[in-house]
Amino acid sequence: MNIMKFNSKLLLHSLVLSLCVLVSCNDFEELNTDPTRLTDINAASLLTQVIYDAGTRSRSYGGIGNYIGQYWTNASLIDQRHRYDFRGSDSEVVYDRIYATLYDIADLKERAIAEGLDDYLGAAITMEVYLTTYLTDVFGPVPYTEAIQGDELNFTPTFDDQELIYRTNLQRLDEAYDLMATQPGGNFIRGGDAFYFGDNLKWRKLINSLKLRMYMRMLKVDPTVEQEIAKLINDGELLTSSDETCAIVYDGRFGLESTRAEGTEGSGALGKTFADKLHETLDPRRPHFARIGVDVNGDPVNMDDEDNPIWQGVPSGESPDIIRNFEGLAAPYTGMNGVRAPSVLFSYSEVAFYIAEAILKGYVDGDAAAHYEAGIRASCEWWGVEEQEIVDHLAKPEVQLSTDAERALEQVYTEQYINLYYQGYDGWLHFRRVGYPEFSVGSAMLVDGIMQRMVYPPLLKAVNNSNYSEAVKMLDKGDHLLSKGWWSN
């Protein structure tokens, strides 16, 4: 299938929004016929499209997410997002494209209901929850209960607060879980499941893992969710191995072609926050993350006092003049093992680190070290680290989980941060939840602190000003990068 066939829908939606300010509502009956919206497409094709869109969106956000998560910096004057100097379209990349995918999800749900395909409906709801939770985590209040009502001529939806979206989405995940019951004739019989190839039990594990992620973020504002966290972990129906990681692997199946990506990120470099944490343990993933800076003879430019090569990073939020003082910068790879890196939505490693954290905090009983080491191992394997390197790495005293509870939590937080590299905004969201590792507040940052949210796309002020203004009132500092989200640390 041509996996890009719906992309023109995004342009149409933007056009319709622009027309909102130029024509009266009475004219929308004529405008509301979407020539790009296919009316006779099967559930399998829609599911593949939704999965592809959700996965590539997560991957494409990696560019912005890697900057605000302090995984990358940039030495050029062209891209200064590590200083929070965003382009006008940066917020639209998330906002507009996710809502475009939500329209496809609405079509998938309608088709699944019409054909009695409960598992496809469950998958649609799961992806809807994933995307709407992402939206509210990034922006705060967003259209939710009135979203995706263009067919009803509602182009000015109200905004819902983050708590309502979270609690409703948790209920929706329970609904999706029930819909994923094993079918007598098999699940996803029409095909199209580019995540789990028809394995409904893995979908159920993904659903529960999404709940775990949400509950972990809610802990500060609702400590009672400790009980829900304990139940999910004790029940054991979570992602339990790397082959259950929710990701798109671009191997040609479902029309998802492999795109070679052997290069590095232009004038980008590893962020010092990230590079320093990797160097503390001489992490074997470093050569898989970035190309080390070398001299004309091919030797590493930077070495530490013990003659270990340094993948040199530079601090985020500094001016290009300061950044240029650093030599031999490590250049981040844009691919993995010579091909386009998989788009990861949720890894087994993320679950393993949540369980280790929950054990250390006393929510459940168990062996925190075992889950911590399993998370590191799975992440290393995912990035192609050799077995002996992994064994040697886990044996290092500085890697082994400390017997000091506070230090052990810092180790778990650090490994979770490393694990979330190139996974959209998730590394930054992790920092907002736990405040670790310590992020750099550079002298050239445009705000005095670590950003807490993306600002709304500028077009919202023009086309939905009244509801936009009400949403801004829900934010403690208005439509500003430093306004905190509902659950932020």
Foldseek 3Di string as FASTA:
>chain_A
DPLCQLVCVLVLLVVVLVCLLVDDLVPCVVVLDDPSDDDDDALLSLLLSLLVLLLVLQLVLLVLLCLLLLQKQFLDPPDQCVLVPDDLCNQVSLVSSLLSSLLSLVVSLVNCVVVVQLLSNLSSLLSVLLSVLVVCQFQFWDFDPCGPCVVVVPPFGFTDGNVVSLVVSLVSLVSSLVSLDADPVAHPVVHNPQFQGRDSLLVNQDSLVVVLVSLLLCCVVDVVCLQVNQVSVVVPSHDDAQSSFGWHDQPCPPNSHKAFFFDFDVRMFTGPQLQVLCVVLVPPCLVQFWAWFADPVRHGPDADPVRHHGQDHYAGSAHSVVVVVDPGTTTTTCDAPRIRHIRTSGGNLLVLLSVLLSCLVPSYPDDSQVSLLSSSVRLCVSRPHDPVSSVVSCPDPVQGQDPDSVSNNLSSLSSSLVSCNSRRNVSVSSCQRPVPDPHDNYPNRPDRDSFAHAFHNPSCCVSHVVSLVVSQVVFPVGRDRNTHHPSTD
